[in-house]
Protein backbone atom coordinates (compact mmCIF):
# COMPACT_ATOMS: atom_id res chain seq x y z
CA MET A 1 -7.41 -20.81 -122.28
CA ARG A 2 -7.60 -23.69 -119.89
CA THR A 3 -3.92 -23.20 -119.06
CA PHE A 4 -4.50 -19.47 -118.39
CA ARG A 5 -7.53 -20.21 -116.22
CA THR A 6 -5.53 -22.79 -114.35
CA ARG A 7 -2.72 -20.34 -113.74
CA THR A 8 -5.20 -17.67 -112.88
CA THR A 9 -6.89 -20.01 -110.48
CA VAL A 10 -3.59 -20.99 -108.91
CA LEU A 11 -2.57 -17.35 -108.68
CA ALA A 12 -5.88 -16.44 -107.08
CA ALA A 13 -5.54 -19.28 -104.60
CA THR A 14 -1.99 -18.21 -103.80
CA THR A 15 -3.08 -14.61 -103.36
CA ALA A 16 -5.94 -15.71 -101.09
CA ALA A 17 -3.55 -17.82 -99.02
CA LEU A 18 -1.12 -14.94 -98.75
CA ALA A 19 -3.94 -12.64 -97.71
CA LEU A 20 -5.00 -15.09 -95.04
CA ALA A 21 -1.40 -15.36 -93.85
CA LEU A 22 -1.09 -11.59 -93.70
CA THR A 23 -4.39 -11.38 -91.85
CA ALA A 24 -3.14 -13.97 -89.42
CA CYS A 25 0.09 -12.01 -88.94
CA GLY A 26 -1.87 -8.85 -88.48
CA GLY A 27 -4.02 -10.63 -85.92
CA ALA A 28 -0.90 -11.84 -84.23
CA ASP A 29 0.51 -8.33 -84.16
CA ASP A 30 -2.74 -6.98 -82.79
CA ALA A 31 -2.75 -9.67 -80.16
CA GLY A 32 0.85 -8.90 -79.31
CA THR A 33 0.04 -5.24 -79.08
CA LYS A 34 -2.89 -6.03 -76.81
CA ASP A 35 -0.68 -8.24 -74.69
CA LYS A 36 1.88 -5.47 -74.40
CA LYS A 37 -0.83 -3.01 -73.47
CA ALA A 38 -2.19 -5.45 -70.94
CA ALA A 39 1.30 -5.95 -69.54
CA ALA A 40 1.77 -2.20 -69.34
CA SER A 41 -1.58 -1.91 -67.66
CA VAL A 42 -0.61 -4.60 -65.16
CA SER A 43 2.70 -2.85 -64.60
CA GLN A 44 0.82 0.35 -63.84
CA VAL A 45 -1.68 -1.38 -61.58
CA THR A 46 1.04 -3.09 -59.59
CA PRO A 47 2.57 0.17 -58.32
CA SER A 48 -0.94 1.44 -57.73
CA THR A 49 -1.68 -1.73 -55.78
CA GLY A 50 1.60 -1.28 -53.97
CA ALA A 51 0.56 2.27 -53.15
CA THR A 52 -2.79 0.96 -52.04
CA GLU A 53 -1.05 -1.62 -49.85
CA SER A 54 1.13 1.13 -48.53
CA GLY A 55 -2.07 3.01 -47.87
CA THR A 56 -3.40 -0.09 -46.22
CA GLY A 57 -0.22 0.21 -44.22
CA THR A 58 -2.15 3.10 -42.74
CA THR A 59 -3.79 0.30 -40.85
CA GLY A 60 -0.46 0.27 -39.07
CA GLY A 61 -1.33 3.84 -38.19
CA THR A 62 -4.65 2.55 -36.97
CA GLY A 63 -2.71 0.01 -34.94
CA ALA A 64 -0.70 2.88 -33.48
CA THR A 65 -3.95 4.62 -32.68
CA GLU A 66 -5.17 1.49 -30.97
CA THR A 67 -1.91 1.32 -29.04
CA GLY A 68 -2.44 4.89 -27.99
CA THR A 69 -5.97 4.03 -26.96
CA GLY A 70 -4.67 1.10 -24.94
CA THR A 71 -2.17 3.36 -23.22
CA GLY A 72 -4.90 5.83 -22.50
CA THR A 73 -7.00 3.08 -21.00
CA THR A 74 -4.08 1.99 -18.85
CA GLY A 75 -3.58 5.55 -17.76
CA GLY A 76 -7.24 5.66 -16.89
CA ASN A 77 -6.89 2.54 -14.84
CA GLY A 78 -3.79 4.01 -13.23
CA THR A 79 -5.81 7.06 -12.30
CA SER A 80 -8.54 4.83 -10.97
CA GLY A 81 -5.94 2.96 -8.94
CA GLY A 82 -4.70 6.29 -7.57
CA ASP A 83 -8.24 7.20 -6.58
CA THR A 84 -8.63 3.84 -4.83
CA SER A 85 -5.35 4.37 -3.01
CA GLY A 86 -6.49 7.85 -2.01
CA ALA A 87 -9.79 6.40 -0.77
CA ALA A 88 -7.93 3.74 1.20
CA THR A 89 -5.64 6.40 2.71
CA SER A 90 -8.65 8.51 3.57
CA ALA A 91 -10.34 5.49 5.17
CA ALA A 92 -7.20 4.76 7.19
CA GLN A 93 -7.05 8.36 8.37
CA THR A 94 -10.71 8.20 9.31
CA GLY A 95 -10.08 4.98 11.22
CA ALA A 96 -7.15 6.59 13.04
CA LYS A 97 -9.32 9.56 13.92
CA LYS A 98 -11.98 7.26 15.31
CA LYS A 99 -9.37 5.54 17.41
CA ASN A 100 -8.25 8.86 18.88
CA ASP A 101 -11.65 10.40 19.47
CA GLY A 102 -12.43 8.25 22.50
CA SER A 103 -14.56 5.67 20.66
CA THR A 104 -12.09 2.82 21.35
CA PRO A 105 -13.03 1.05 24.60
CA ALA A 106 -10.81 1.49 27.64
CA CYS A 107 -8.32 -1.25 28.44
CA THR A 108 -9.30 -3.35 31.43
CA ALA A 109 -7.00 -5.25 33.80
CA ASN A 110 -7.72 -8.39 31.78
CA ASP A 111 -6.74 -6.70 28.51
CA VAL A 112 -3.11 -6.02 29.41
CA LYS A 113 -0.04 -7.72 30.79
CA ILE A 114 2.08 -5.47 33.05
CA SER A 115 5.75 -5.93 33.92
CA ALA A 116 8.38 -3.82 35.71
CA VAL A 117 12.12 -3.28 35.16
CA LYS A 118 14.68 -1.09 36.93
CA GLN A 119 15.88 2.03 35.17
CA ASP A 120 19.60 2.71 34.88
CA GLY A 121 21.42 4.25 37.80
CA VAL A 122 22.66 3.35 41.26
CA PRO A 123 20.90 3.43 43.58
CA THR A 124 17.69 2.51 41.80
CA THR A 125 15.35 5.48 41.98
CA HIS A 126 13.00 4.71 39.06
CA ILE A 127 11.34 1.71 37.48
CA THR A 128 9.56 1.42 34.13
CA LEU A 129 6.18 -0.25 33.81
CA THR A 130 5.25 -1.85 30.48
CA ALA A 131 1.61 -2.60 29.68
CA THR A 132 1.13 -4.87 26.64
CA ASN A 133 -2.27 -5.29 25.02
CA VAL A 134 -3.08 -9.01 25.03
CA SER A 135 -6.81 -8.67 24.33
CA GLY A 136 -6.60 -9.27 20.57
CA ARG A 137 -8.36 -5.96 19.84
CA SER A 138 -7.60 -2.25 20.20
CA CYS A 139 -8.17 -0.53 23.52
CA THR A 140 -7.35 2.83 25.10
CA LEU A 141 -4.99 2.96 28.05
CA LEU A 142 -6.38 5.86 30.07
CA GLN A 143 -4.38 8.31 32.19
CA TYR A 144 -1.73 6.67 34.42
CA PRO A 145 -1.24 3.44 36.38
CA LEU A 146 -2.95 3.34 39.77
CA ILE A 147 -0.11 1.92 41.87
CA ALA A 148 -0.38 0.69 45.44
CA PHE A 149 2.93 -0.24 47.14
CA GLY A 150 1.31 -2.25 49.87
CA ASP A 151 -2.06 -3.68 50.77
CA ILE A 152 -4.49 -2.78 48.03
CA GLN A 153 -7.22 -2.03 50.55
CA THR A 154 -5.22 0.40 52.69
CA ALA A 155 -2.28 1.69 50.62
CA LYS A 156 -2.52 5.13 49.07
CA ASP A 157 -2.31 5.32 45.28
CA VAL A 158 0.94 6.82 44.04
CA PRO A 159 0.36 10.44 42.82
CA SER A 160 0.84 11.25 39.12
CA VAL A 161 3.11 13.83 37.47
CA ALA A 162 0.99 16.13 35.27
CA LYS A 163 3.83 17.18 32.89
CA SER A 164 4.15 13.59 31.64
CA LYS A 165 0.58 13.52 30.32
CA PRO A 166 0.52 12.90 26.51
CA GLY A 167 -1.38 15.17 24.16
CA THR A 168 -3.66 12.41 22.80
CA PRO A 169 -5.18 9.24 24.29
CA VAL A 170 -2.92 6.18 24.18
CA VAL A 171 -4.66 3.70 21.88
CA LEU A 172 -3.05 0.27 21.83
CA SER A 173 -3.57 -2.06 18.90
CA ALA A 174 -3.44 -5.79 19.62
CA GLY A 175 0.02 -6.72 20.92
CA ALA A 176 1.22 -3.10 21.25
CA PRO A 177 2.94 -1.80 24.43
CA ALA A 178 2.77 1.44 26.44
CA TYR A 179 5.11 2.66 29.16
CA ALA A 180 5.07 4.62 32.40
CA ALA A 181 8.04 5.85 34.42
CA VAL A 182 7.70 5.49 38.19
CA ARG A 183 9.88 7.14 40.84
CA ILE A 184 10.22 4.91 43.90
CA ASN A 185 12.65 7.00 46.01
CA ASN A 186 15.02 9.95 45.90
CA GLY A 187 18.18 7.90 46.31
CA GLY A 188 18.95 9.25 49.81
CA VAL A 189 20.19 7.18 52.73
CA ASP A 190 17.96 8.99 55.20
CA GLU A 191 14.72 8.12 53.42
CA GLU A 192 12.19 5.83 55.02
CA ASN A 193 12.55 3.10 52.42
CA ARG A 194 10.96 -0.29 52.64
CA ALA A 195 11.58 -3.38 50.59
CA VAL A 196 8.87 -4.30 48.10
CA THR A 197 8.84 -7.53 46.09
CA SER A 198 5.44 -7.07 44.46
CA PHE A 199 2.76 -4.40 44.18
CA ASN A 200 -0.67 -3.75 42.69
CA VAL A 201 -1.50 -1.82 39.53
CA ASN A 202 -5.01 -0.79 38.58
CA LEU A 203 -6.28 0.99 35.45
CA PHE A 204 -8.71 3.78 34.77
CA ALA A 205 -12.12 3.36 33.16
CA LYS A 206 -13.90 6.30 31.49
CA ASP A 207 -15.74 7.10 34.69
CA GLY A 208 -12.98 6.41 37.23
CA PRO A 209 -10.85 3.51 38.50
CA ALA A 210 -11.59 0.25 36.71
CA GLU A 211 -12.65 -2.94 38.43
CA GLY A 212 -9.88 -5.35 39.33
CA SER A 213 -6.10 -4.90 39.41
CA LYS A 214 -2.89 -6.64 38.41
CA VAL A 215 -0.29 -7.95 40.84
CA VAL A 216 3.09 -7.01 39.39
CA LYS A 217 6.31 -8.67 40.46
CA ALA A 218 9.10 -6.26 41.35
CA PRO A 219 12.35 -6.45 39.39
CA ALA A 220 14.88 -9.03 40.56
CA GLY A 221 16.13 -8.32 44.08
CA GLY A 222 13.09 -6.22 44.94
CA ILE A 223 12.89 -2.44 45.15
CA ALA A 224 13.31 0.13 47.93
CA VAL A 225 10.19 2.31 48.07
CA ASP A 226 9.74 5.62 49.88
CA ASP A 227 6.00 6.30 49.86
CA ALA A 228 6.54 10.01 50.41
CA ALA A 229 8.78 10.34 47.33
CA ALA A 230 6.95 7.93 45.04
CA ARG A 231 5.44 9.39 41.83
CA THR A 232 4.15 7.90 38.58
CA GLY A 233 4.10 9.22 35.04
CA TYR A 234 1.24 8.82 32.57
CA TRP A 235 1.01 5.97 30.10
CA THR A 236 2.78 6.90 26.83
CA HIS A 237 3.69 5.10 23.61
CA GLU A 238 7.35 5.67 24.47
CA LEU A 239 9.31 7.22 27.32
CA ARG A 240 10.00 10.87 26.53
CA ASN A 241 13.03 12.81 27.64
CA GLY A 242 12.04 15.68 29.87
CA ALA A 243 8.42 14.74 30.39
CA ASP A 244 9.40 11.57 32.25
CA GLU A 245 12.33 13.02 34.20
CA PHE A 246 10.96 13.56 37.70
């Protein structure tokens, strides 16, 4: 009986050990299964995360939207710049209008430097006067030069030629020139010409002849002047064909 109990005891212990081993194996299998499921779950999450990151890549779309916004802003600034340019152009036009509406003061004898040169042709029948604004500010050169070929107190001013009158007042900015053609004779041998080496030029003010005059040196060699034939054109920004042919 003792032997049987011993065997029975041993058998029971062996069976218990085997059961424990099987339980452990089962636990291991369960754990393995859980690990596999977890791995599968992770595998599934990873693509999902990838998709989510791809979705986050939509932020790139947001970046594109921001780029578009930036471009829009630049365009807005560009438009603003255009408006500013337009305003500046408008201001410049307004300034030009003010200059031409008679608001610019008249040039005085002290505001301009006047010189004379012979025009082409033999004999010399015309000279060109150039008046340059040396005042450092804008001024209006009114009408035509008041020329006296002789004593300023007694000589008669040279008459003007109406067809040479410009359509708008001649406004000179600082340093700018204006011109006037002057006929001094008709080129005939029978004319009563006299030699002139210098002469006087006066300017107009808004209410008539200005105070003071300029003594202008005649071109080299002097000029032959016939008082009866002498005529002057109006001041212009440039000599004009036709209007200054007299």
